């Protein structure tokens, strides 16, 4: 769950926010109510990227009807690029 905080308040309370982030809290920093950035624990992005990679592999697994010849063509095209 992301907590919204204005940029001015975030700047004034940065040390406090960082302590909360260490404990797993996530913040969305806003300017005039518009989201500008997220303040998240550093391993959060790593977990997100891992999740996306797994989902992409699952999607690839669902592709059917591609022949070995076509796959070899794609590999060769990639080597030429």
N, C-alpha and C. Protein backbone atom coordinates (compact mmCIF):
# COMPACT_ATOMS: atom_id res chain seq x y z
N UNK A 1 0.84 -1.18 0.00
CA UNK A 1 0.00 0.00 0.00
C UNK A 1 0.88 1.24 0.00
N UNK A 2 0.66 2.11 -0.94
CA UNK A 2 1.43 3.35 -1.05
C UNK A 2 0.71 4.47 -0.31
N UNK A 3 1.48 5.25 0.42
CA UNK A 3 0.94 6.42 1.10
C UNK A 3 1.38 7.64 0.31
N UNK A 4 0.44 8.52 -0.03
CA UNK A 4 0.79 9.74 -0.78
C UNK A 4 1.33 10.80 0.17
N UNK A 5 2.37 11.49 -0.29
CA UNK A 5 2.95 12.58 0.48
C UNK A 5 3.44 13.64 -0.50
N UNK A 6 3.19 14.89 -0.18
CA UNK A 6 3.63 15.99 -1.04
C UNK A 6 5.15 16.13 -1.01
N UNK A 7 5.70 16.67 -2.08
CA UNK A 7 7.15 16.82 -2.21
C UNK A 7 7.73 17.67 -1.09
N UNK A 8 7.05 18.75 -0.72
CA UNK A 8 7.55 19.63 0.33
C UNK A 8 7.64 18.88 1.66
N UNK A 9 6.58 18.13 2.00
CA UNK A 9 6.58 17.34 3.23
C UNK A 9 7.62 16.22 3.18
N UNK A 10 7.75 15.60 2.01
CA UNK A 10 8.73 14.52 1.86
C UNK A 10 10.14 15.04 2.11
N UNK A 11 10.43 16.23 1.59
CA UNK A 11 11.75 16.83 1.79
C UNK A 11 11.98 17.11 3.27
N UNK A 12 10.98 17.64 3.94
CA UNK A 12 11.11 17.99 5.35
C UNK A 12 11.22 16.75 6.25
N UNK A 13 10.62 15.64 5.82
CA UNK A 13 10.58 14.44 6.66
C UNK A 13 11.36 13.28 6.07
N UNK A 14 12.35 13.57 5.24
CA UNK A 14 13.05 12.51 4.51
C UNK A 14 13.63 11.44 5.43
N UNK A 15 14.30 11.84 6.49
CA UNK A 15 14.89 10.85 7.41
C UNK A 15 13.83 9.91 7.98
N UNK A 16 12.71 10.48 8.37
CA UNK A 16 11.62 9.68 8.92
C UNK A 16 11.05 8.73 7.87
N UNK A 17 10.87 9.25 6.65
CA UNK A 17 10.34 8.42 5.57
C UNK A 17 11.28 7.26 5.27
N UNK A 18 12.58 7.52 5.27
CA UNK A 18 13.55 6.46 4.98
C UNK A 18 13.50 5.36 6.05
N UNK A 19 13.31 5.73 7.29
CA UNK A 19 13.17 4.72 8.34
C UNK A 19 11.94 3.85 8.09
N UNK A 20 10.86 4.48 7.67
CA UNK A 20 9.63 3.72 7.38
C UNK A 20 9.83 2.82 6.16
N UNK A 21 10.55 3.33 5.18
CA UNK A 21 10.82 2.54 3.97
C UNK A 21 11.65 1.31 4.32
N UNK A 22 12.61 1.47 5.24
CA UNK A 22 13.40 0.32 5.68
C UNK A 22 12.51 -0.77 6.27
N UNK A 23 11.40 -0.38 6.84
CA UNK A 23 10.47 -1.32 7.45
C UNK A 23 9.44 -1.85 6.44
N UNK A 24 9.57 -1.44 5.19
CA UNK A 24 8.71 -1.97 4.14
C UNK A 24 7.62 -1.06 3.63
N UNK A 25 7.47 0.12 4.21
CA UNK A 25 6.43 1.06 3.77
C UNK A 25 6.81 1.67 2.42
N UNK A 26 5.84 1.95 1.59
CA UNK A 26 6.05 2.57 0.28
C UNK A 26 5.30 3.90 0.22
N UNK A 27 5.90 4.89 -0.44
CA UNK A 27 5.30 6.22 -0.56
C UNK A 27 5.25 6.63 -2.02
N UNK A 28 4.21 7.38 -2.36
CA UNK A 28 4.14 8.06 -3.64
C UNK A 28 4.30 9.55 -3.35
N UNK A 29 5.32 10.15 -3.95
CA UNK A 29 5.58 11.57 -3.75
C UNK A 29 4.84 12.33 -4.84
N UNK A 30 4.11 13.36 -4.42
CA UNK A 30 3.29 14.12 -5.36
C UNK A 30 3.69 15.60 -5.38
N UNK A 31 3.39 16.23 -6.49
CA UNK A 31 3.51 17.68 -6.62
C UNK A 31 2.14 18.16 -7.09
N UNK A 32 1.54 19.01 -6.29
CA UNK A 32 0.18 19.51 -6.56
C UNK A 32 -0.80 18.36 -6.81
N UNK A 33 -0.66 17.30 -6.02
CA UNK A 33 -1.58 16.17 -6.11
C UNK A 33 -1.30 15.18 -7.22
N UNK A 34 -0.30 15.46 -8.07
CA UNK A 34 0.02 14.55 -9.17
C UNK A 34 1.19 13.66 -8.78
N UNK A 35 1.07 12.35 -8.92
CA UNK A 35 2.17 11.44 -8.58
C UNK A 35 3.41 11.72 -9.44
N UNK A 36 4.55 11.82 -8.78
CA UNK A 36 5.80 12.11 -9.47
C UNK A 36 6.80 10.97 -9.33
N UNK A 37 6.89 10.39 -8.13
CA UNK A 37 7.88 9.34 -7.88
C UNK A 37 7.39 8.42 -6.77
N UNK A 38 7.96 7.23 -6.74
CA UNK A 38 7.68 6.29 -5.66
C UNK A 38 8.93 6.10 -4.83
N UNK A 39 8.76 6.05 -3.54
CA UNK A 39 9.85 5.80 -2.60
C UNK A 39 9.57 4.41 -2.02
N UNK A 40 10.41 3.44 -2.42
CA UNK A 40 10.18 2.04 -2.05
C UNK A 40 11.48 1.42 -1.55
N UNK A 41 11.40 0.34 -0.78
CA UNK A 41 12.62 -0.37 -0.38
C UNK A 41 13.37 -0.84 -1.62
N UNK A 42 14.69 -0.84 -1.55
CA UNK A 42 15.49 -1.15 -2.73
C UNK A 42 15.23 -2.55 -3.25
N UNK A 43 14.94 -3.53 -2.42
CA UNK A 43 14.66 -4.88 -2.91
C UNK A 43 13.27 -5.00 -3.51
N UNK A 44 12.42 -4.00 -3.32
CA UNK A 44 11.06 -4.01 -3.89
C UNK A 44 11.14 -4.08 -5.42
N UNK A 45 12.01 -3.27 -6.03
CA UNK A 45 12.16 -3.27 -7.48
C UNK A 45 12.68 -4.61 -7.97
N UNK A 46 13.59 -5.20 -7.21
CA UNK A 46 14.14 -6.49 -7.57
C UNK A 46 13.03 -7.55 -7.58
N UNK A 47 12.18 -7.53 -6.57
CA UNK A 47 11.07 -8.47 -6.50
C UNK A 47 10.10 -8.24 -7.66
N UNK A 48 9.85 -6.97 -7.97
CA UNK A 48 8.95 -6.63 -9.07
C UNK A 48 9.52 -7.14 -10.39
N UNK A 49 10.82 -6.93 -10.62
CA UNK A 49 11.45 -7.39 -11.86
C UNK A 49 11.43 -8.91 -11.95
N UNK A 50 11.66 -9.58 -10.84
CA UNK A 50 11.61 -11.04 -10.83
C UNK A 50 10.21 -11.53 -11.17
N UNK A 51 9.21 -10.90 -10.58
CA UNK A 51 7.82 -11.28 -10.86
C UNK A 51 7.51 -11.09 -12.34
N UNK A 52 7.92 -9.97 -12.92
CA UNK A 52 7.68 -9.72 -14.34
C UNK A 52 8.38 -10.75 -15.21
N UNK A 53 9.61 -11.11 -14.86
CA UNK A 53 10.34 -12.10 -15.64
C UNK A 53 9.63 -13.45 -15.62
N UNK A 54 9.14 -13.84 -14.46
CA UNK A 54 8.41 -15.10 -14.34
C UNK A 54 7.14 -15.07 -15.17
N UNK A 55 6.41 -13.97 -15.10
CA UNK A 55 5.18 -13.84 -15.90
C UNK A 55 5.48 -13.90 -17.39
N UNK A 56 6.57 -13.27 -17.83
CA UNK A 56 6.96 -13.32 -19.24
C UNK A 56 7.30 -14.73 -19.67
N UNK A 57 8.00 -15.48 -18.81
CA UNK A 57 8.33 -16.87 -19.14
C UNK A 57 7.07 -17.72 -19.25
N UNK A 58 6.11 -17.47 -18.37
CA UNK A 58 4.85 -18.21 -18.44
C UNK A 58 4.10 -17.89 -19.73
N UNK A 59 4.15 -16.64 -20.14
CA UNK A 59 3.48 -16.24 -21.39
C UNK A 59 4.13 -16.92 -22.58
N UNK A 60 5.45 -17.00 -22.58
CA UNK A 60 6.17 -17.65 -23.68
C UNK A 60 5.78 -19.12 -23.75
N UNK A 61 5.63 -19.74 -22.59
CA UNK A 61 5.27 -21.15 -22.51
C UNK A 61 3.92 -21.42 -23.18
N UNK A 62 3.04 -20.43 -23.18
CA UNK A 62 1.70 -20.60 -23.74
C UNK A 62 1.68 -20.50 -25.27
N UNK A 63 2.77 -20.00 -25.85
CA UNK A 63 2.82 -19.88 -27.31
C UNK A 63 2.89 -21.29 -27.90
N UNK A 64 2.00 -21.56 -28.82
CA UNK A 64 1.96 -22.88 -29.44
C UNK A 64 2.09 -22.71 -30.96
N UNK A 65 2.52 -23.78 -31.58
CA UNK A 65 2.55 -23.81 -33.02
C UNK A 65 3.79 -23.19 -33.66
N UNK A 66 4.82 -22.94 -32.88
CA UNK A 66 6.05 -22.41 -33.45
C UNK A 66 6.99 -23.59 -33.67
N UNK A 67 7.41 -23.75 -34.92
CA UNK A 67 8.27 -24.88 -35.25
C UNK A 67 9.72 -24.64 -34.82
N UNK A 68 10.47 -25.72 -34.71
CA UNK A 68 11.89 -25.61 -34.37
C UNK A 68 12.63 -24.82 -35.45
N UNK A 69 12.22 -24.99 -36.69
CA UNK A 69 12.84 -24.26 -37.79
C UNK A 69 12.65 -22.76 -37.62
N UNK A 70 11.45 -22.34 -37.25
CA UNK A 70 11.16 -20.92 -37.05
C UNK A 70 11.98 -20.37 -35.89
N UNK A 71 12.10 -21.14 -34.83
CA UNK A 71 12.91 -20.70 -33.69
C UNK A 71 14.36 -20.53 -34.11
N UNK A 72 14.89 -21.48 -34.88
CA UNK A 72 16.28 -21.37 -35.36
C UNK A 72 16.46 -20.13 -36.24
N UNK A 73 15.46 -19.82 -37.07
CA UNK A 73 15.51 -18.61 -37.90
C UNK A 73 15.59 -17.37 -37.02
N UNK A 74 14.77 -17.31 -35.97
CA UNK A 74 14.78 -16.16 -35.06
C UNK A 74 16.15 -16.02 -34.38
N UNK A 75 16.72 -17.15 -33.97
CA UNK A 75 18.03 -17.12 -33.33
C UNK A 75 19.07 -16.59 -34.29
N UNK A 76 19.04 -17.07 -35.53
CA UNK A 76 20.01 -16.61 -36.53
C UNK A 76 19.83 -15.13 -36.84
N UNK A 77 18.59 -14.66 -36.90
CA UNK A 77 18.34 -13.23 -37.12
C UNK A 77 18.93 -12.40 -35.99
N UNK A 78 18.79 -12.89 -34.78
CA UNK A 78 19.33 -12.18 -33.62
C UNK A 78 20.84 -12.11 -33.66
N UNK A 79 21.49 -13.14 -34.16
CA UNK A 79 22.96 -13.16 -34.24
C UNK A 79 23.46 -12.19 -35.30
N UNK A 80 22.68 -11.98 -36.34
CA UNK A 80 23.10 -11.05 -37.40
C UNK A 80 22.94 -9.60 -37.00
N UNK A 81 22.05 -9.34 -36.07
CA UNK A 81 21.77 -7.95 -35.67
C UNK A 81 22.89 -7.36 -34.86
